[in-house]
Amino acid sequence: MTVPHSLLPESPVAKAKAATRILVVDDEPLLCRMLASILQRTGYQVETAYNGAEAVAAVKRFRPHLITLDVMMPGMSGIEVAQTLRADQETATIPIIFITALDRSVSQDLQRILNADRYTYHMDKPFNRQQLLIQVETALETRTQGQES
């Protein structure tokens, strides 16, 4: 007799992913939806924001465990979002993965953040699905280790 998939117990890994909230921030709606779709299909809870101000508001409301963040956005840049979050004790250790087609004019600012912060990562656009998922897992593991110490 075959047990219907809906009646099988959920694995601990699947339960952990389902409880993990990720905020995807990018001013390009197509890329934002694509990132969100990849992460949702993998089992994460995902919310999206299309600019820096929306991102800061979403962090307060959604309380993400991780953020993927574009650097170059109109208005408030991803670097400014990260600086705002790092200045607040409640959001200072949320891992941030910068996903960007980096412009040389911001590369020094981004490099300073990456060097100074163990909860910050970088991926270049274009990226592939596997690369994204590995980076997400790495960032979430680092966050968990930081909470245990």
N, C-alpha and C. Protein backbone atom coordinates (compact mmCIF):
# COMPACT_ATOMS: atom_id res chain seq x y z
N MET A 1 0.83 -1.18 0.00
CA MET A 1 0.00 0.00 0.00
C MET A 1 0.88 1.24 0.00
N THR A 2 0.56 2.19 -0.81
CA THR A 2 1.32 3.44 -0.90
C THR A 2 0.64 4.50 -0.03
N VAL A 3 1.47 5.18 0.77
CA VAL A 3 0.95 6.25 1.62
C VAL A 3 0.95 7.54 0.81
N PRO A 4 -0.16 8.26 0.76
CA PRO A 4 -0.17 9.54 0.02
C PRO A 4 0.90 10.47 0.56
N HIS A 5 1.57 11.17 -0.36
CA HIS A 5 2.65 12.08 0.01
C HIS A 5 2.22 13.08 1.09
N SER A 6 0.98 13.53 1.04
CA SER A 6 0.51 14.52 2.02
C SER A 6 0.43 13.96 3.44
N LEU A 7 0.43 12.61 3.57
CA LEU A 7 0.35 12.00 4.89
C LEU A 7 1.71 11.60 5.44
N LEU A 8 2.76 11.70 4.62
CA LEU A 8 4.11 11.35 5.08
C LEU A 8 4.62 12.44 6.02
N PRO A 9 5.36 12.03 7.08
CA PRO A 9 5.90 13.05 7.98
C PRO A 9 6.92 13.91 7.24
N GLU A 10 6.92 15.18 7.54
CA GLU A 10 7.85 16.11 6.92
C GLU A 10 9.23 15.93 7.53
N SER A 11 10.26 15.97 6.71
CA SER A 11 11.62 15.80 7.21
C SER A 11 12.02 17.01 8.05
N PRO A 12 12.98 16.84 8.96
CA PRO A 12 13.45 17.98 9.77
C PRO A 12 14.01 19.10 8.90
N VAL A 13 14.68 18.73 7.80
CA VAL A 13 15.24 19.75 6.91
C VAL A 13 14.12 20.55 6.26
N ALA A 14 13.09 19.86 5.80
CA ALA A 14 11.95 20.56 5.18
C ALA A 14 11.25 21.47 6.19
N LYS A 15 11.10 20.99 7.42
CA LYS A 15 10.47 21.82 8.46
C LYS A 15 11.30 23.06 8.76
N ALA A 16 12.63 22.90 8.82
CA ALA A 16 13.51 24.04 9.09
C ALA A 16 13.42 25.06 7.97
N LYS A 17 13.41 24.59 6.72
CA LYS A 17 13.30 25.51 5.59
C LYS A 17 11.96 26.24 5.61
N ALA A 18 10.89 25.52 5.90
CA ALA A 18 9.56 26.13 5.91
C ALA A 18 9.44 27.20 6.99
N ALA A 19 10.26 27.11 8.03
CA ALA A 19 10.23 28.10 9.11
C ALA A 19 11.22 29.25 8.86
N THR A 20 12.00 29.15 7.79
CA THR A 20 13.02 30.16 7.49
C THR A 20 12.45 31.22 6.55
N ARG A 21 12.55 32.48 6.98
CA ARG A 21 12.03 33.61 6.22
C ARG A 21 13.18 34.32 5.49
N ILE A 22 13.00 34.52 4.18
CA ILE A 22 14.00 35.22 3.37
C ILE A 22 13.33 36.41 2.68
N LEU A 23 13.99 37.56 2.80
CA LEU A 23 13.54 38.77 2.11
C LEU A 23 14.40 38.95 0.87
N VAL A 24 13.76 39.06 -0.29
CA VAL A 24 14.45 39.28 -1.56
C VAL A 24 14.22 40.72 -1.97
N VAL A 25 15.32 41.46 -2.19
CA VAL A 25 15.22 42.88 -2.52
C VAL A 25 15.96 43.15 -3.82
N ASP A 26 15.24 43.62 -4.81
CA ASP A 26 15.85 44.02 -6.09
C ASP A 26 14.89 44.95 -6.80
N ASP A 27 15.43 45.99 -7.44
CA ASP A 27 14.57 46.94 -8.14
C ASP A 27 14.15 46.43 -9.52
N GLU A 28 14.68 45.29 -9.96
CA GLU A 28 14.26 44.68 -11.21
C GLU A 28 13.19 43.63 -10.88
N PRO A 29 11.91 43.92 -11.15
CA PRO A 29 10.84 43.00 -10.75
C PRO A 29 11.01 41.57 -11.26
N LEU A 30 11.48 41.40 -12.49
CA LEU A 30 11.65 40.06 -13.04
C LEU A 30 12.68 39.27 -12.24
N LEU A 31 13.81 39.88 -11.94
CA LEU A 31 14.83 39.20 -11.16
C LEU A 31 14.35 38.93 -9.74
N CYS A 32 13.64 39.88 -9.17
CA CYS A 32 13.11 39.72 -7.81
C CYS A 32 12.16 38.52 -7.76
N ARG A 33 11.27 38.42 -8.73
CA ARG A 33 10.32 37.30 -8.77
C ARG A 33 11.04 35.97 -9.02
N MET A 34 12.09 36.00 -9.88
CA MET A 34 12.83 34.79 -10.17
C MET A 34 13.55 34.28 -8.91
N LEU A 35 14.21 35.17 -8.18
CA LEU A 35 14.88 34.78 -6.93
C LEU A 35 13.87 34.23 -5.93
N ALA A 36 12.77 34.93 -5.78
CA ALA A 36 11.72 34.49 -4.84
C ALA A 36 11.20 33.11 -5.23
N SER A 37 10.99 32.88 -6.50
CA SER A 37 10.48 31.59 -6.97
C SER A 37 11.46 30.46 -6.66
N ILE A 38 12.73 30.67 -6.93
CA ILE A 38 13.75 29.65 -6.64
C ILE A 38 13.72 29.30 -5.15
N LEU A 39 13.70 30.32 -4.32
CA LEU A 39 13.74 30.09 -2.87
C LEU A 39 12.45 29.46 -2.35
N GLN A 40 11.31 29.87 -2.89
CA GLN A 40 10.03 29.28 -2.48
C GLN A 40 9.95 27.81 -2.89
N ARG A 41 10.38 27.50 -4.10
CA ARG A 41 10.35 26.10 -4.56
C ARG A 41 11.28 25.23 -3.73
N THR A 42 12.29 25.83 -3.14
CA THR A 42 13.21 25.08 -2.28
C THR A 42 12.61 24.89 -0.89
N GLY A 43 11.55 25.64 -0.56
CA GLY A 43 10.85 25.43 0.69
C GLY A 43 10.88 26.59 1.67
N TYR A 44 11.53 27.68 1.32
CA TYR A 44 11.62 28.83 2.22
C TYR A 44 10.37 29.71 2.12
N GLN A 45 10.08 30.45 3.20
CA GLN A 45 9.07 31.52 3.16
C GLN A 45 9.76 32.74 2.57
N VAL A 46 9.15 33.38 1.61
CA VAL A 46 9.81 34.49 0.93
C VAL A 46 8.88 35.69 0.83
N GLU A 47 9.45 36.86 1.05
CA GLU A 47 8.76 38.12 0.79
C GLU A 47 9.69 38.94 -0.10
N THR A 48 9.11 39.84 -0.89
CA THR A 48 9.91 40.65 -1.80
C THR A 48 9.74 42.14 -1.50
N ALA A 49 10.78 42.89 -1.88
CA ALA A 49 10.74 44.35 -1.81
C ALA A 49 11.49 44.86 -3.04
N TYR A 50 11.04 45.99 -3.57
CA TYR A 50 11.59 46.49 -4.83
C TYR A 50 12.46 47.74 -4.68
N ASN A 51 12.69 48.18 -3.45
CA ASN A 51 13.61 49.30 -3.22
C ASN A 51 14.06 49.27 -1.76
N GLY A 52 15.00 50.15 -1.45
CA GLY A 52 15.58 50.16 -0.12
C GLY A 52 14.60 50.49 0.99
N ALA A 53 13.75 51.48 0.76
CA ALA A 53 12.78 51.87 1.79
C ALA A 53 11.80 50.73 2.07
N GLU A 54 11.33 50.06 1.01
CA GLU A 54 10.45 48.90 1.19
C GLU A 54 11.19 47.79 1.96
N ALA A 55 12.47 47.63 1.68
CA ALA A 55 13.26 46.59 2.35
C ALA A 55 13.33 46.83 3.85
N VAL A 56 13.64 48.06 4.25
CA VAL A 56 13.75 48.38 5.68
C VAL A 56 12.41 48.16 6.37
N ALA A 57 11.32 48.56 5.74
CA ALA A 57 9.98 48.35 6.32
C ALA A 57 9.66 46.86 6.39
N ALA A 58 10.01 46.11 5.35
CA ALA A 58 9.72 44.67 5.33
C ALA A 58 10.51 43.93 6.40
N VAL A 59 11.73 44.37 6.68
CA VAL A 59 12.54 43.72 7.71
C VAL A 59 11.83 43.83 9.06
N LYS A 60 11.27 44.99 9.35
CA LYS A 60 10.59 45.19 10.63
C LYS A 60 9.32 44.35 10.74
N ARG A 61 8.62 44.20 9.62
CA ARG A 61 7.35 43.48 9.61
C ARG A 61 7.55 41.96 9.47
N PHE A 62 8.41 41.54 8.56
CA PHE A 62 8.57 40.13 8.18
C PHE A 62 9.60 39.40 9.05
N ARG A 63 10.53 40.13 9.65
CA ARG A 63 11.59 39.56 10.50
C ARG A 63 12.34 38.42 9.80
N PRO A 64 12.99 38.72 8.67
CA PRO A 64 13.66 37.65 7.91
C PRO A 64 14.87 37.08 8.63
N HIS A 65 15.17 35.84 8.30
CA HIS A 65 16.37 35.19 8.80
C HIS A 65 17.55 35.48 7.87
N LEU A 66 17.25 35.93 6.64
CA LEU A 66 18.27 36.22 5.64
C LEU A 66 17.68 37.19 4.62
N ILE A 67 18.57 38.00 4.02
CA ILE A 67 18.15 38.97 3.00
C ILE A 67 19.05 38.82 1.79
N THR A 68 18.45 38.75 0.59
CA THR A 68 19.23 38.91 -0.63
C THR A 68 18.98 40.35 -1.06
N LEU A 69 20.04 41.05 -1.44
CA LEU A 69 19.95 42.50 -1.61
C LEU A 69 20.74 42.98 -2.80
N ASP A 70 20.08 43.68 -3.70
CA ASP A 70 20.75 44.33 -4.82
C ASP A 70 21.51 45.54 -4.28
N VAL A 71 22.65 45.86 -4.86
CA VAL A 71 23.42 47.02 -4.41
C VAL A 71 22.90 48.30 -5.07
N MET A 72 22.78 48.27 -6.38
CA MET A 72 22.42 49.46 -7.14
C MET A 72 20.90 49.56 -7.29
N MET A 73 20.30 50.43 -6.46
CA MET A 73 18.86 50.67 -6.53
C MET A 73 18.64 52.18 -6.44
N PRO A 74 17.61 52.68 -7.11
CA PRO A 74 17.32 54.11 -6.99
C PRO A 74 16.89 54.45 -5.56
N GLY A 75 17.16 55.69 -5.16
CA GLY A 75 16.80 56.09 -3.80
C GLY A 75 17.83 55.55 -2.83
N MET A 76 17.40 54.65 -1.98
CA MET A 76 18.27 54.05 -0.97
C MET A 76 18.97 52.82 -1.57
N SER A 77 20.30 52.88 -1.66
CA SER A 77 21.05 51.76 -2.24
C SER A 77 21.07 50.57 -1.28
N GLY A 78 21.48 49.43 -1.79
CA GLY A 78 21.62 48.25 -0.95
C GLY A 78 22.65 48.45 0.15
N ILE A 79 23.70 49.20 -0.15
CA ILE A 79 24.72 49.49 0.86
C ILE A 79 24.11 50.32 1.99
N GLU A 80 23.28 51.29 1.65
CA GLU A 80 22.61 52.09 2.68
C GLU A 80 21.64 51.26 3.50
N VAL A 81 20.95 50.32 2.84
CA VAL A 81 20.05 49.42 3.56
C VAL A 81 20.86 48.61 4.57
N ALA A 82 21.97 48.04 4.11
CA ALA A 82 22.81 47.22 5.00
C ALA A 82 23.33 48.05 6.18
N GLN A 83 23.77 49.27 5.91
CA GLN A 83 24.27 50.13 7.00
C GLN A 83 23.16 50.43 8.00
N THR A 84 21.95 50.67 7.52
CA THR A 84 20.81 50.93 8.40
C THR A 84 20.52 49.71 9.28
N LEU A 85 20.53 48.54 8.67
CA LEU A 85 20.25 47.31 9.42
C LEU A 85 21.36 46.98 10.42
N ARG A 86 22.60 47.20 10.03
CA ARG A 86 23.72 46.90 10.92
C ARG A 86 23.77 47.86 12.11
N ALA A 87 23.20 49.04 11.97
CA ALA A 87 23.20 50.03 13.06
C ALA A 87 22.15 49.72 14.13
N ASP A 88 21.24 48.81 13.84
CA ASP A 88 20.17 48.44 14.76
C ASP A 88 20.50 47.08 15.38
N GLN A 89 20.55 47.01 16.69
CA GLN A 89 20.93 45.78 17.38
C GLN A 89 20.01 44.60 17.00
N GLU A 90 18.74 44.87 16.77
CA GLU A 90 17.80 43.79 16.44
C GLU A 90 18.02 43.20 15.05
N THR A 91 18.63 43.97 14.15
CA THR A 91 18.80 43.49 12.78
C THR A 91 20.28 43.35 12.38
N ALA A 92 21.17 43.61 13.30
CA ALA A 92 22.60 43.66 13.00
C ALA A 92 23.19 42.34 12.51
N THR A 93 22.60 41.22 12.90
CA THR A 93 23.19 39.93 12.52
C THR A 93 22.38 39.16 11.49
N ILE A 94 21.44 39.83 10.84
CA ILE A 94 20.71 39.16 9.76
C ILE A 94 21.69 39.01 8.60
N PRO A 95 21.94 37.80 8.13
CA PRO A 95 22.84 37.64 6.98
C PRO A 95 22.28 38.35 5.75
N ILE A 96 23.18 38.99 5.03
CA ILE A 96 22.82 39.69 3.79
C ILE A 96 23.69 39.12 2.68
N ILE A 97 23.04 38.71 1.60
CA ILE A 97 23.75 38.30 0.40
C ILE A 97 23.53 39.38 -0.64
N PHE A 98 24.57 40.14 -0.95
CA PHE A 98 24.49 41.14 -2.02
C PHE A 98 24.55 40.39 -3.34
N ILE A 99 23.56 40.60 -4.19
CA ILE A 99 23.54 40.00 -5.52
C ILE A 99 23.53 41.16 -6.50
N THR A 100 24.64 41.31 -7.22
CA THR A 100 24.77 42.52 -8.02
C THR A 100 25.66 42.36 -9.24
N ALA A 101 25.35 43.15 -10.24
CA ALA A 101 26.25 43.36 -11.37
C ALA A 101 27.00 44.63 -10.98
N LEU A 102 28.06 44.46 -10.24
CA LEU A 102 28.71 45.55 -9.53
C LEU A 102 29.34 46.58 -10.45
N ASP A 103 29.07 47.81 -10.13
CA ASP A 103 29.63 48.98 -10.77
C ASP A 103 30.88 49.38 -9.96
N ARG A 104 31.97 49.70 -10.63
CA ARG A 104 33.22 50.03 -9.93
C ARG A 104 33.06 51.18 -8.93
N SER A 105 32.11 52.07 -9.15
CA SER A 105 31.96 53.23 -8.25
C SER A 105 31.50 52.83 -6.86
N VAL A 106 30.86 51.68 -6.71
CA VAL A 106 30.42 51.24 -5.38
C VAL A 106 31.25 50.08 -4.86
N SER A 107 32.19 49.59 -5.65
CA SER A 107 32.91 48.40 -5.24
C SER A 107 33.72 48.60 -3.96
N GLN A 108 34.29 49.77 -3.74
CA GLN A 108 35.06 50.01 -2.51
C GLN A 108 34.16 50.00 -1.28
N ASP A 109 32.98 50.63 -1.37
CA ASP A 109 32.04 50.63 -0.25
C ASP A 109 31.59 49.21 0.07
N LEU A 110 31.26 48.46 -0.96
CA LEU A 110 30.82 47.08 -0.75
C LEU A 110 31.96 46.25 -0.16
N GLN A 111 33.16 46.42 -0.66
CA GLN A 111 34.29 45.65 -0.15
C GLN A 111 34.53 45.93 1.33
N ARG A 112 34.37 47.18 1.75
CA ARG A 112 34.53 47.53 3.17
C ARG A 112 33.50 46.79 4.02
N ILE A 113 32.26 46.75 3.55
CA ILE A 113 31.21 46.05 4.29
C ILE A 113 31.51 44.55 4.35
N LEU A 114 31.91 43.97 3.23
CA LEU A 114 32.19 42.54 3.19
C LEU A 114 33.36 42.18 4.12
N ASN A 115 34.37 43.03 4.17
CA ASN A 115 35.53 42.77 5.02
C ASN A 115 35.22 42.94 6.51
N ALA A 116 34.29 43.81 6.84
CA ALA A 116 34.03 44.15 8.24
C ALA A 116 32.91 43.32 8.88
N ASP A 117 32.22 42.53 8.11
CA ASP A 117 31.00 41.92 8.60
C ASP A 117 30.94 40.43 8.24
N ARG A 118 30.94 39.58 9.24
CA ARG A 118 30.91 38.14 8.96
C ARG A 118 29.54 37.65 8.50
N TYR A 119 28.54 38.50 8.55
CA TYR A 119 27.19 38.12 8.13
C TYR A 119 26.84 38.67 6.74
N THR A 120 27.85 39.08 5.98
CA THR A 120 27.60 39.67 4.68
C THR A 120 28.34 38.88 3.60
N TYR A 121 27.64 38.62 2.50
CA TYR A 121 28.18 37.81 1.40
C TYR A 121 27.93 38.54 0.09
N HIS A 122 28.57 38.05 -0.97
CA HIS A 122 28.42 38.68 -2.28
C HIS A 122 28.34 37.61 -3.37
N MET A 123 27.42 37.83 -4.30
CA MET A 123 27.31 37.01 -5.51
C MET A 123 27.16 37.94 -6.70
N ASP A 124 27.81 37.58 -7.79
CA ASP A 124 27.70 38.38 -9.01
C ASP A 124 26.49 37.95 -9.82
N LYS A 125 25.89 38.94 -10.51
CA LYS A 125 24.88 38.66 -11.52
C LYS A 125 25.64 38.47 -12.82
N PRO A 126 25.28 37.57 -13.65
CA PRO A 126 24.25 36.57 -13.45
C PRO A 126 24.77 35.48 -12.51
N PHE A 127 23.86 34.81 -11.85
CA PHE A 127 24.19 33.72 -10.94
C PHE A 127 23.41 32.50 -11.39
N ASN A 128 23.78 31.35 -10.85
CA ASN A 128 22.97 30.17 -11.16
C ASN A 128 22.26 29.70 -9.89
N ARG A 129 21.26 28.90 -10.07
CA ARG A 129 20.40 28.44 -8.97
C ARG A 129 21.21 27.74 -7.89
N GLN A 130 22.08 26.82 -8.29
CA GLN A 130 22.86 26.06 -7.32
C GLN A 130 23.77 26.97 -6.51
N GLN A 131 24.40 27.92 -7.17
CA GLN A 131 25.27 28.89 -6.49
C GLN A 131 24.46 29.67 -5.44
N LEU A 132 23.27 30.10 -5.81
CA LEU A 132 22.40 30.84 -4.89
C LEU A 132 22.07 29.98 -3.67
N LEU A 133 21.65 28.75 -3.89
CA LEU A 133 21.22 27.90 -2.78
C LEU A 133 22.38 27.55 -1.84
N ILE A 134 23.56 27.36 -2.40
CA ILE A 134 24.74 27.10 -1.57
C ILE A 134 25.05 28.32 -0.71
N GLN A 135 24.99 29.50 -1.31
CA GLN A 135 25.28 30.73 -0.57
C GLN A 135 24.25 30.96 0.53
N VAL A 136 22.97 30.68 0.25
CA VAL A 136 21.92 30.82 1.26
C VAL A 136 22.18 29.88 2.42
N GLU A 137 22.47 28.62 2.14
CA GLU A 137 22.74 27.65 3.21
C GLU A 137 23.95 28.06 4.04
N THR A 138 25.01 28.53 3.39
CA THR A 138 26.21 28.98 4.10
C THR A 138 25.88 30.15 5.02
N ALA A 139 25.14 31.12 4.51
CA ALA A 139 24.79 32.30 5.31
C ALA A 139 23.91 31.91 6.50
N LEU A 140 22.96 31.02 6.29
CA LEU A 140 22.09 30.60 7.39
C LEU A 140 22.87 29.81 8.45
N GLU A 141 23.81 29.00 8.02
CA GLU A 141 24.66 28.26 8.97
C GLU A 141 25.51 29.21 9.80
N THR A 142 26.08 30.22 9.17
CA THR A 142 26.89 31.21 9.88
C THR A 142 26.04 31.93 10.91
N ARG A 143 24.81 32.27 10.54
CA ARG A 143 23.90 32.95 11.47
C ARG A 143 23.62 32.07 12.68
N THR A 144 23.34 30.80 12.41
CA THR A 144 23.05 29.86 13.50
C THR A 144 24.25 29.69 14.41
N GLN A 145 25.44 29.56 13.85
CA GLN A 145 26.66 29.44 14.66
C GLN A 145 26.88 30.68 15.50
N GLY A 146 26.60 31.85 14.95
CA GLY A 146 26.76 33.09 15.69
C GLY A 146 25.81 33.20 16.87
N GLN A 147 24.62 32.64 16.72
CA GLN A 147 23.63 32.66 17.81
C GLN A 147 23.98 31.69 18.91
N GLU A 148 24.70 30.61 18.55
CA GLU A 148 25.07 29.60 19.54
C GLU A 148 26.27 30.01 20.39
N SER A 149 27.10 30.92 19.85
CA SER A 149 28.31 31.30 20.60
C SER A 149 28.09 32.46 21.51
